[in-house]
Amino acid sequence: MEHNDIIIAPVLTEKSSSLREEGKYVFRVDSRATKIQIKEAVAKLFNVKVEKCTVMNVEGKMRRVRYRAGKTSGWKKAIVKLAAGQSIKIFEGA
């Protein structure tokens, strides 16, 4: 799996913005990716040193369309902690 395929998108929420102050960045990642692969992908794509990576599976939510109940698809979320003094520049403007 290529580094570009592992990281799908950054997660931009109020909670992830508060985590950014602690040097933690939140990404939506490929569901098959491991912690080691995610660490390497963030390090290579953004030229930073990753200290820690926490991964969790987010379950899909129940939704209704007219008379039928359905469920949105689940996804994998990674919280990556960077070394002290490092940041990812694309998040500075967000």
PDB file of N, CA and C in Angstrom:
ATOM      1  N   MET A   1       0.851  -1.178   0.000  1.00  0.00           N
ATOM      2  CA  MET A   1       0.000   0.000   0.000  1.00  0.00           C
ATOM      3  C   MET A   1       0.901   1.248   0.000  1.00  0.00           C
ATOM      4  N   GLU A   2       0.602   2.197  -0.876  1.00  0.00           N
ATOM      5  CA  GLU A   2       1.377   3.437  -0.977  1.00  0.00           C
ATOM      6  C   GLU A   2       0.999   4.397   0.151  1.00  0.00           C
ATOM      7  N   HIS A   3       1.895   5.335   0.438  1.00  0.00           N
ATOM      8  CA  HIS A   3       1.641   6.311   1.500  1.00  0.00           C
ATOM      9  C   HIS A   3       0.430   7.187   1.179  1.00  0.00           C
ATOM     10  N   ASN A   4       0.244   7.522  -0.097  1.00  0.00           N
ATOM     11  CA  ASN A   4      -0.901   8.350  -0.495  1.00  0.00           C
ATOM     12  C   ASN A   4      -2.216   7.609  -0.324  1.00  0.00           C
ATOM     13  N   ASP A   5      -2.178   6.282  -0.392  1.00  0.00           N
ATOM     14  CA  ASP A   5      -3.400   5.493  -0.246  1.00  0.00           C
ATOM     15  C   ASP A   5      -3.798   5.306   1.213  1.00  0.00           C
ATOM     16  N   ILE A   6      -2.855   5.404   2.118  1.00  0.00           N
ATOM     17  CA  ILE A   6      -3.140   5.155   3.541  1.00  0.00           C
ATOM     18  C   ILE A   6      -3.902   6.319   4.156  1.00  0.00           C
ATOM     19  N   ILE A   7      -3.420   7.545   3.966  1.00  0.00           N
ATOM     20  CA  ILE A   7      -4.078   8.728   4.533  1.00  0.00           C
ATOM     21  C   ILE A   7      -5.139   9.190   3.553  1.00  0.00           C
ATOM     22  N   ILE A   8      -6.396   9.160   3.963  1.00  0.00           N
ATOM     23  CA  ILE A   8      -7.491   9.552   3.072  1.00  0.00           C
ATOM     24  C   ILE A   8      -7.774  11.044   3.189  1.00  0.00           C
ATOM     25  N   ALA A   9      -7.985  11.539   4.421  1.00  0.00           N
ATOM     26  CA  ALA A   9      -8.316  12.958   4.605  1.00  0.00           C
ATOM     27  C   ALA A   9      -8.094  13.352   6.058  1.00  0.00           C
ATOM     28  N   PRO A  10      -7.830  14.635   6.298  1.00  0.00           N
ATOM     29  CA  PRO A  10      -7.770  15.093   7.690  1.00  0.00           C
ATOM     30  C   PRO A  10      -9.187  15.225   8.248  1.00  0.00           C
ATOM     31  N   VAL A  11      -9.324  15.042   9.535  1.00  0.00           N
ATOM     32  CA  VAL A  11     -10.621  15.209  10.197  1.00  0.00           C
ATOM     33  C   VAL A  11     -10.620  16.593  10.837  1.00  0.00           C
ATOM     34  N   LEU A  12     -11.506  17.467  10.379  1.00  0.00           N
ATOM     35  CA  LEU A  12     -11.563  18.841  10.868  1.00  0.00           C
ATOM     36  C   LEU A  12     -12.836  19.044  11.679  1.00  0.00           C
ATOM     37  N   THR A  13     -12.722  18.829  12.973  1.00  0.00           N
ATOM     38  CA  THR A  13     -13.831  19.038  13.889  1.00  0.00           C
ATOM     39  C   THR A  13     -13.352  19.918  15.032  1.00  0.00           C
ATOM     40  N   GLU A  14     -14.270  20.287  15.897  1.00  0.00           N
ATOM     41  CA  GLU A  14     -13.909  21.112  17.050  1.00  0.00           C
ATOM     42  C   GLU A  14     -12.964  20.360  17.987  1.00  0.00           C
ATOM     43  N   LYS A  15     -13.231  19.092  18.171  1.00  0.00           N
ATOM     44  CA  LYS A  15     -12.379  18.294  19.052  1.00  0.00           C
ATOM     45  C   LYS A  15     -10.981  18.112  18.452  1.00  0.00           C
ATOM     46  N   SER A  16     -10.903  17.873  17.148  1.00  0.00           N
ATOM     47  CA  SER A  16      -9.589  17.712  16.530  1.00  0.00           C
ATOM     48  C   SER A  16      -8.807  19.021  16.536  1.00  0.00           C
ATOM     49  N   SER A  17      -9.498  20.154  16.498  1.00  0.00           N
ATOM     50  CA  SER A  17      -8.827  21.452  16.587  1.00  0.00           C
ATOM     51  C   SER A  17      -8.214  21.658  17.966  1.00  0.00           C
ATOM     52  N   SER A  18      -8.897  21.207  19.003  1.00  0.00           N
ATOM     53  CA  SER A  18      -8.340  21.339  20.347  1.00  0.00           C
ATOM     54  C   SER A  18      -7.172  20.374  20.551  1.00  0.00           C
ATOM     55  N   LEU A  19      -7.214  19.219  19.901  1.00  0.00           N
ATOM     56  CA  LEU A  19      -6.097  18.273  19.988  1.00  0.00           C
ATOM     57  C   LEU A  19      -4.861  18.813  19.274  1.00  0.00           C
ATOM     58  N   ARG A  20      -5.071  19.625  18.250  1.00  0.00           N
ATOM     59  CA  ARG A  20      -3.955  20.185  17.495  1.00  0.00           C
ATOM     60  C   ARG A  20      -3.057  21.051  18.371  1.00  0.00           C
ATOM     61  N   GLU A  21      -3.618  21.674  19.381  1.00  0.00           N
ATOM     62  CA  GLU A  21      -2.828  22.494  20.306  1.00  0.00           C
ATOM     63  C   GLU A  21      -1.864  21.631  21.122  1.00  0.00           C
ATOM     64  N   GLU A  22      -2.171  20.354  21.282  1.00  0.00           N
ATOM     65  CA  GLU A  22      -1.316  19.423  22.012  1.00  0.00           C
ATOM     66  C   GLU A  22      -0.321  18.718  21.085  1.00  0.00           C
ATOM     67  N   GLY A  23      -0.340  19.073  19.801  1.00  0.00           N
ATOM     68  CA  GLY A  23       0.556  18.437  18.838  1.00  0.00           C
ATOM     69  C   GLY A  23       0.009  17.140  18.278  1.00  0.00           C
ATOM     70  N   LYS A  24      -1.319  16.948  18.376  1.00  0.00           N
ATOM     71  CA  LYS A  24      -1.962  15.743  17.865  1.00  0.00           C
ATOM     72  C   LYS A  24      -2.808  16.102  16.647  1.00  0.00           C
ATOM     73  N   TYR A  25      -2.716  15.283  15.615  1.00  0.00           N
ATOM     74  CA  TYR A  25      -3.451  15.509  14.373  1.00  0.00           C
ATOM     75  C   TYR A  25      -4.305  14.290  14.075  1.00  0.00           C
ATOM     76  N   VAL A  26      -5.515  14.528  13.562  1.00  0.00           N
ATOM     77  CA  VAL A  26      -6.483  13.453  13.344  1.00  0.00           C
ATOM     78  C   VAL A  26      -6.678  13.259  11.842  1.00  0.00           C
ATOM     79  N   PHE A  27      -6.613  11.992  11.405  1.00  0.00           N
ATOM     80  CA  PHE A  27      -6.772  11.660   9.997  1.00  0.00           C
ATOM     81  C   PHE A  27      -7.755  10.528   9.822  1.00  0.00           C
ATOM     82  N   ARG A  28      -8.456  10.532   8.679  1.00  0.00           N
ATOM     83  CA  ARG A  28      -9.244   9.382   8.260  1.00  0.00           C
ATOM     84  C   ARG A  28      -8.296   8.528   7.428  1.00  0.00           C
ATOM     85  N   VAL A  29      -8.166   7.248   7.775  1.00  0.00           N
ATOM     86  CA  VAL A  29      -7.189   6.387   7.122  1.00  0.00           C
ATOM     87  C   VAL A  29      -7.861   5.155   6.524  1.00  0.00           C
ATOM     88  N   ASP A  30      -7.120   4.459   5.681  1.00  0.00           N
ATOM     89  CA  ASP A  30      -7.597   3.224   5.068  1.00  0.00           C
ATOM     90  C   ASP A  30      -7.859   2.196   6.160  1.00  0.00           C
ATOM     91  N   SER A  31      -8.935   1.458   6.031  1.00  0.00           N
ATOM     92  CA  SER A  31      -9.326   0.517   7.087  1.00  0.00           C
ATOM     93  C   SER A  31      -8.364  -0.659   7.211  1.00  0.00           C
ATOM     94  N   ARG A  32      -7.533  -0.910   6.192  1.00  0.00           N
ATOM     95  CA  ARG A  32      -6.578  -2.019   6.245  1.00  0.00           C
ATOM     96  C   ARG A  32      -5.223  -1.600   6.795  1.00  0.00           C
ATOM     97  N   ALA A  33      -5.012  -0.298   7.025  1.00  0.00           N
ATOM     98  CA  ALA A  33      -3.708   0.213   7.446  1.00  0.00           C
ATOM     99  C   ALA A  33      -3.434  -0.103   8.914  1.00  0.00           C
ATOM    100  N   THR A  34      -2.164  -0.366   9.232  1.00  0.00           N
ATOM    101  CA  THR A  34      -1.741  -0.627  10.606  1.00  0.00           C
ATOM    102  C   THR A  34      -1.130   0.643  11.193  1.00  0.00           C
ATOM    103  N   LYS A  35      -0.876   0.622  12.500  1.00  0.00           N
ATOM    104  CA  LYS A  35      -0.277   1.775  13.170  1.00  0.00           C
ATOM    105  C   LYS A  35       1.084   2.118  12.571  1.00  0.00           C
ATOM    106  N   ILE A  36       1.888   1.123  12.295  1.00  0.00           N
ATOM    107  CA  ILE A  36       3.232   1.351  11.758  1.00  0.00           C
ATOM    108  C   ILE A  36       3.150   1.974  10.370  1.00  0.00           C
ATOM    109  N   GLN A  37       2.237   1.489   9.528  1.00  0.00           N
ATOM    110  CA  GLN A  37       2.067   2.051   8.196  1.00  0.00           C
ATOM    111  C   GLN A  37       1.590   3.497   8.259  1.00  0.00           C
ATOM    112  N   ILE A  38       0.701   3.806   9.200  1.00  0.00           N
ATOM    113  CA  ILE A  38       0.186   5.167   9.348  1.00  0.00           C
ATOM    114  C   ILE A  38       1.297   6.108   9.800  1.00  0.00           C
ATOM    115  N   LYS A  39       2.117   5.657  10.773  1.00  0.00           N
ATOM    116  CA  LYS A  39       3.251   6.455  11.243  1.00  0.00           C
ATOM    117  C   LYS A  39       4.198   6.791  10.097  1.00  0.00           C
ATOM    118  N   GLU A  40       4.549   5.784   9.302  1.00  0.00           N
ATOM    119  CA  GLU A  40       5.464   5.981   8.186  1.00  0.00           C
ATOM    120  C   GLU A  40       4.874   6.913   7.137  1.00  0.00           C
ATOM    121  N   ALA A  41       3.573   6.767   6.856  1.00  0.00           N
ATOM    122  CA  ALA A  41       2.927   7.599   5.841  1.00  0.00           C
ATOM    123  C   ALA A  41       2.915   9.067   6.255  1.00  0.00           C
ATOM    124  N   VAL A  42       2.580   9.353   7.515  1.00  0.00           N
ATOM    125  CA  VAL A  42       2.560  10.742   7.992  1.00  0.00           C
ATOM    126  C   VAL A  42       3.969  11.317   7.985  1.00  0.00           C
ATOM    127  N   ALA A  43       4.945  10.525   8.411  1.00  0.00           N
ATOM    128  CA  ALA A  43       6.335  10.988   8.433  1.00  0.00           C
ATOM    129  C   ALA A  43       6.831  11.327   7.029  1.00  0.00           C
ATOM    130  N   LYS A  44       6.525  10.491   6.050  1.00  0.00           N
ATOM    131  CA  LYS A  44       6.999  10.708   4.684  1.00  0.00           C
ATOM    132  C   LYS A  44       6.241  11.846   3.992  1.00  0.00           C
ATOM    133  N   LEU A  45       4.926  11.893   4.147  1.00  0.00           N
ATOM    134  CA  LEU A  45       4.125  12.895   3.432  1.00  0.00           C
ATOM    135  C   LEU A  45       4.325  14.307   3.961  1.00  0.00           C
ATOM    136  N   PHE A  46       4.509  14.456   5.275  1.00  0.00           N
ATOM    137  CA  PHE A  46       4.568  15.794   5.863  1.00  0.00           C
ATOM    138  C   PHE A  46       5.951  16.156   6.425  1.00  0.00           C
ATOM    139  N   ASN A  47       6.932  15.269   6.276  1.00  0.00           N
ATOM    140  CA  ASN A  47       8.304  15.509   6.756  1.00  0.00           C
ATOM    141  C   ASN A  47       8.345  15.895   8.235  1.00  0.00           C
ATOM    142  N   VAL A  48       7.740  15.070   9.074  1.00  0.00           N
ATOM    143  CA  VAL A  48       7.718  15.288  10.519  1.00  0.00           C
ATOM    144  C   VAL A  48       8.126  14.003  11.219  1.00  0.00           C
ATOM    145  N   LYS A  49       8.406  14.098  12.514  1.00  0.00           N
ATOM    146  CA  LYS A  49       8.738  12.924  13.327  1.00  0.00           C
ATOM    147  C   LYS A  49       7.517  12.562  14.174  1.00  0.00           C
ATOM    148  N   VAL A  50       7.036  11.355  14.014  1.00  0.00           N
ATOM    149  CA  VAL A  50       5.840  10.886  14.724  1.00  0.00           C
ATOM    150  C   VAL A  50       6.271  10.139  15.976  1.00  0.00           C
ATOM    151  N   GLU A  51       5.711  10.552  17.125  1.00  0.00           N
ATOM    152  CA  GLU A  51       6.010   9.878  18.389  1.00  0.00           C
ATOM    153  C   GLU A  51       5.059   8.725  18.660  1.00  0.00           C
ATOM    154  N   LYS A  52       3.772   8.971  18.417  1.00  0.00           N
ATOM    155  CA  LYS A  52       2.757   8.006  18.835  1.00  0.00           C
ATOM    156  C   LYS A  52       1.610   8.015  17.835  1.00  0.00           C
ATOM    157  N   CYS A  53       0.953   6.871  17.705  1.00  0.00           N
ATOM    158  CA  CYS A  53      -0.199   6.760  16.808  1.00  0.00           C
ATOM    159  C   CYS A  53      -1.289   5.944  17.504  1.00  0.00           C
ATOM    160  N   THR A  54      -2.451   6.519  17.624  1.00  0.00           N
ATOM    161  CA  THR A  54      -3.598   5.829  18.208  1.00  0.00           C
ATOM    162  C   THR A  54      -4.634   5.628  17.105  1.00  0.00           C
ATOM    163  N   VAL A  55      -5.163   4.415  17.013  1.00  0.00           N
ATOM    164  CA  VAL A  55      -6.084   4.078  15.929  1.00  0.00           C
ATOM    165  C   VAL A  55      -7.387   3.558  16.513  1.00  0.00           C
ATOM    166  N   MET A  56      -8.492   3.951  15.893  1.00  0.00           N
ATOM    167  CA  MET A  56      -9.799   3.451  16.333  1.00  0.00           C
ATOM    168  C   MET A  56     -10.728   3.273  15.141  1.00  0.00           C
ATOM    169  N   ASN A  57     -11.628   2.325  15.260  1.00  0.00           N
ATOM    170  CA  ASN A  57     -12.648   2.107  14.243  1.00  0.00           C
ATOM    171  C   ASN A  57     -13.908   2.856  14.653  1.00  0.00           C
ATOM    172  N   VAL A  58     -14.412   3.691  13.743  1.00  0.00           N
ATOM    173  CA  VAL A  58     -15.628   4.462  13.992  1.00  0.00           C
ATOM    174  C   VAL A  58     -16.785   3.718  13.332  1.00  0.00           C
ATOM    175  N   GLU A  59     -17.782   3.379  14.130  1.00  0.00           N
ATOM    176  CA  GLU A  59     -18.933   2.653  13.592  1.00  0.00           C
ATOM    177  C   GLU A  59     -19.831   3.586  12.796  1.00  0.00           C
ATOM    178  N   GLY A  60     -20.522   3.026  11.802  1.00  0.00           N
ATOM    179  CA  GLY A  60     -21.474   3.789  11.016  1.00  0.00           C
ATOM    180  C   GLY A  60     -22.710   4.115  11.834  1.00  0.00           C
ATOM    181  N   LYS A  61     -23.383   5.193  11.448  1.00  0.00           N
ATOM    182  CA  LYS A  61     -24.582   5.616  12.174  1.00  0.00           C
ATOM    183  C   LYS A  61     -25.845   5.096  11.493  1.00  0.00           C
ATOM    184  N   MET A  62     -26.867   4.891  12.276  1.00  0.00           N
ATOM    185  CA  MET A  62     -28.153   4.470  11.731  1.00  0.00           C
ATOM    186  C   MET A  62     -28.818   5.664  11.053  1.00  0.00           C
ATOM    187  N   ARG A  63     -29.324   5.446   9.854  1.00  0.00           N
ATOM    188  CA  ARG A  63     -30.018   6.484   9.088  1.00  0.00           C
ATOM    189  C   ARG A  63     -31.292   5.889   8.514  1.00  0.00           C
ATOM    190  N   ARG A  64     -32.268   6.768   8.273  1.00  0.00           N
ATOM    191  CA  ARG A  64     -33.520   6.331   7.657  1.00  0.00           C
ATOM    192  C   ARG A  64     -33.687   7.025   6.323  1.00  0.00           C
ATOM    193  N   VAL A  65     -34.124   6.269   5.335  1.00  0.00           N
ATOM    194  CA  VAL A  65     -34.496   6.830   4.045  1.00  0.00           C
ATOM    195  C   VAL A  65     -35.924   6.369   3.796  1.00  0.00           C
ATOM    196  N   ARG A  66     -36.827   7.297   3.882  1.00  0.00           N
ATOM    197  CA  ARG A  66     -38.272   7.020   3.820  1.00  0.00           C
ATOM    198  C   ARG A  66     -38.677   5.989   4.867  1.00  0.00           C
ATOM    199  N   TYR A  67     -39.023   4.782   4.420  1.00  0.00           N
ATOM    200  CA  TYR A  67     -39.537   3.780   5.348  1.00  0.00           C
ATOM    201  C   TYR A  67     -38.495   2.752   5.765  1.00  0.00           C
ATOM    202  N   ARG A  68     -37.309   2.865   5.210  1.00  0.00           N
ATOM    203  CA  ARG A  68     -36.306   1.858   5.480  1.00  0.00           C
ATOM    204  C   ARG A  68     -35.201   2.391   6.379  1.00  0.00           C
ATOM    205  N   ALA A  69     -34.774   1.559   7.275  1.00  0.00           N
ATOM    206  CA  ALA A  69     -33.637   1.915   8.119  1.00  0.00           C
ATOM    207  C   ALA A  69     -32.381   1.404   7.438  1.00  0.00           C
ATOM    208  N   GLY A  70     -31.333   2.190   7.523  1.00  0.00           N
ATOM    209  CA  GLY A  70     -30.062   1.795   6.924  1.00  0.00           C
ATOM    210  C   GLY A  70     -28.928   2.196   7.844  1.00  0.00           C
ATOM    211  N   LYS A  71     -27.725   2.044   7.358  1.00  0.00           N
ATOM    212  CA  LYS A  71     -26.567   2.363   8.166  1.00  0.00           C
ATOM    213  C   LYS A  71     -25.483   2.919   7.256  1.00  0.00           C
ATOM    214  N   THR A  72     -24.826   3.999   7.705  1.00  0.00           N
ATOM    215  CA  THR A  72     -23.709   4.533   6.939  1.00  0.00           C
ATOM    216  C   THR A  72     -22.493   3.639   7.178  1.00  0.00           C
ATOM    217  N   SER A  73     -21.543   3.698   6.290  1.00  0.00           N
ATOM    218  CA  SER A  73     -20.389   2.818   6.426  1.00  0.00           C
ATOM    219  C   SER A  73     -19.450   3.311   7.526  1.00  0.00           C
ATOM    220  N   GLY A  74     -18.795   2.384   8.180  1.00  0.00           N
ATOM    221  CA  GLY A  74     -17.836   2.715   9.216  1.00  0.00           C
ATOM    222  C   GLY A  74     -16.498   3.096   8.594  1.00  0.00           C
ATOM    223  N   TRP A  75     -15.597   3.660   9.403  1.00  0.00           N
ATOM    224  CA  TRP A  75     -14.284   4.071   8.912  1.00  0.00           C
ATOM    225  C   TRP A  75     -13.267   4.023  10.030  1.00  0.00           C
ATOM    226  N   LYS A  76     -12.012   4.183   9.670  1.00  0.00           N
ATOM    227  CA  LYS A  76     -10.917   4.100  10.638  1.00  0.00           C
ATOM    228  C   LYS A  76     -10.324   5.485  10.839  1.00  0.00           C
ATOM    229  N   LYS A  77     -10.081   5.826  12.108  1.00  0.00           N
ATOM    230  CA  LYS A  77      -9.550   7.135  12.468  1.00  0.00           C
ATOM    231  C   LYS A  77      -8.221   6.953  13.178  1.00  0.00           C
ATOM    232  N   ALA A  78      -7.245   7.816  12.846  1.00  0.00           N
ATOM    233  CA  ALA A  78      -5.930   7.766  13.483  1.00  0.00           C
ATOM    234  C   ALA A  78      -5.615   9.116  14.103  1.00  0.00           C
ATOM    235  N   ILE A  79      -5.170   9.100  15.369  1.00  0.00           N
ATOM    236  CA  ILE A  79      -4.702  10.307  16.044  1.00  0.00           C
ATOM    237  C   ILE A  79      -3.192  10.175  16.160  1.00  0.00           C
ATOM    238  N   VAL A  80      -2.488  11.096  15.509  1.00  0.00           N
ATOM    239  CA  VAL A  80      -1.030  11.024  15.418  1.00  0.00           C
ATOM    240  C   VAL A  80      -0.431  12.136  16.257  1.00  0.00           C
ATOM    241  N   LYS A  81       0.473  11.765  17.180  1.00  0.00           N
ATOM    242  CA  LYS A  81       1.159  12.753  18.010  1.00  0.00           C
ATOM    243  C   LYS A  81       2.551  12.979  17.448  1.00  0.00           C
ATOM    244  N   LEU A  82       2.886  14.254  17.215  1.00  0.00           N
ATOM    245  CA  LEU A  82       4.179  14.610  16.655  1.00  0.00           C
ATOM    246  C   LEU A  82       5.174  14.937  17.762  1.00  0.00           C
ATOM    247  N   ALA A  83       6.446  14.930  17.410  1.00  0.00           N
ATOM    248  CA  ALA A  83       7.506  15.293  18.344  1.00  0.00           C
ATOM    249  C   ALA A  83       7.356  16.758  18.723  1.00  0.00           C
ATOM    250  N   ALA A  84       7.905  17.145  19.867  1.00  0.00           N
ATOM    251  CA  ALA A  84       7.785  18.512  20.370  1.00  0.00           C
ATOM    252  C   ALA A  84       8.377  19.502  19.367  1.00  0.00           C
ATOM    253  N   GLY A  85       7.648  20.594  19.140  1.00  0.00           N
ATOM    254  CA  GLY A  85       8.121  21.653  18.251  1.00  0.00           C
ATOM    255  C   GLY A  85       7.808  21.431  16.781  1.00  0.00           C
ATOM    256  N   GLN A  86       7.180  20.322  16.424  1.00  0.00           N
ATOM    257  CA  GLN A  86       6.858  20.062  15.020  1.00  0.00           C
ATOM    258  C   GLN A  86       5.381  20.263  14.771  1.00  0.00           C
ATOM    259  N   SER A  87       5.041  20.645  13.546  1.00  0.00           N
ATOM    260  CA  SER A  87       3.642  20.825  13.166  1.00  0.00           C
ATOM    261  C   SER A  87       3.490  20.518  11.683  1.00  0.00           C
ATOM    262  N   ILE A  88       2.255  20.331  11.263  1.00  0.00           N
ATOM    263  CA  ILE A  88       1.943  20.107   9.860  1.00  0.00           C
ATOM    264  C   ILE A  88       1.396  21.409   9.305  1.00  0.00           C
ATOM    265  N   LYS A  89       2.013  21.918   8.265  1.00  0.00           N
ATOM    266  CA  LYS A  89       1.728  23.263   7.762  1.00  0.00           C
ATOM    267  C   LYS A  89       0.330  23.409   7.165  1.00  0.00           C
ATOM    268  N   ILE A  90      -0.243  22.350   6.598  1.00  0.00           N
ATOM    269  CA  ILE A  90      -1.557  22.486   5.951  1.00  0.00           C
ATOM    270  C   ILE A  90      -2.652  22.803   6.965  1.00  0.00           C
ATOM    271  N   PHE A  91      -2.423  22.497   8.234  1.00  0.00           N
ATOM    272  CA  PHE A  91      -3.422  22.766   9.268  1.00  0.00           C
ATOM    273  C   PHE A  91      -3.343  24.191   9.802  1.00  0.00           C
ATOM    274  N   GLU A  92      -2.298  24.916   9.493  1.00  0.00           N
ATOM    275  CA  GLU A  92      -2.116  26.270  10.030  1.00  0.00           C
ATOM    276  C   GLU A  92      -3.204  27.214   9.548  1.00  0.00           C
ATOM    277  N   GLY A  93      -3.642  27.094   8.296  1.00  0.00           N
ATOM    278  CA  GLY A  93      -4.671  27.979   7.756  1.00  0.00           C
ATOM    279  C   GLY A  93      -6.081  27.550   8.129  1.00  0.00           C
ATOM    280  N   ALA A  94      -6.258  26.314   8.579  1.00  0.00           N
ATOM    281  CA  ALA A  94      -7.597  25.789   8.866  1.00  0.00           C
ATOM    282  C   ALA A  94      -8.111  26.255  10.201  1.00  0.00           C
TER     283      ALA A  94
END
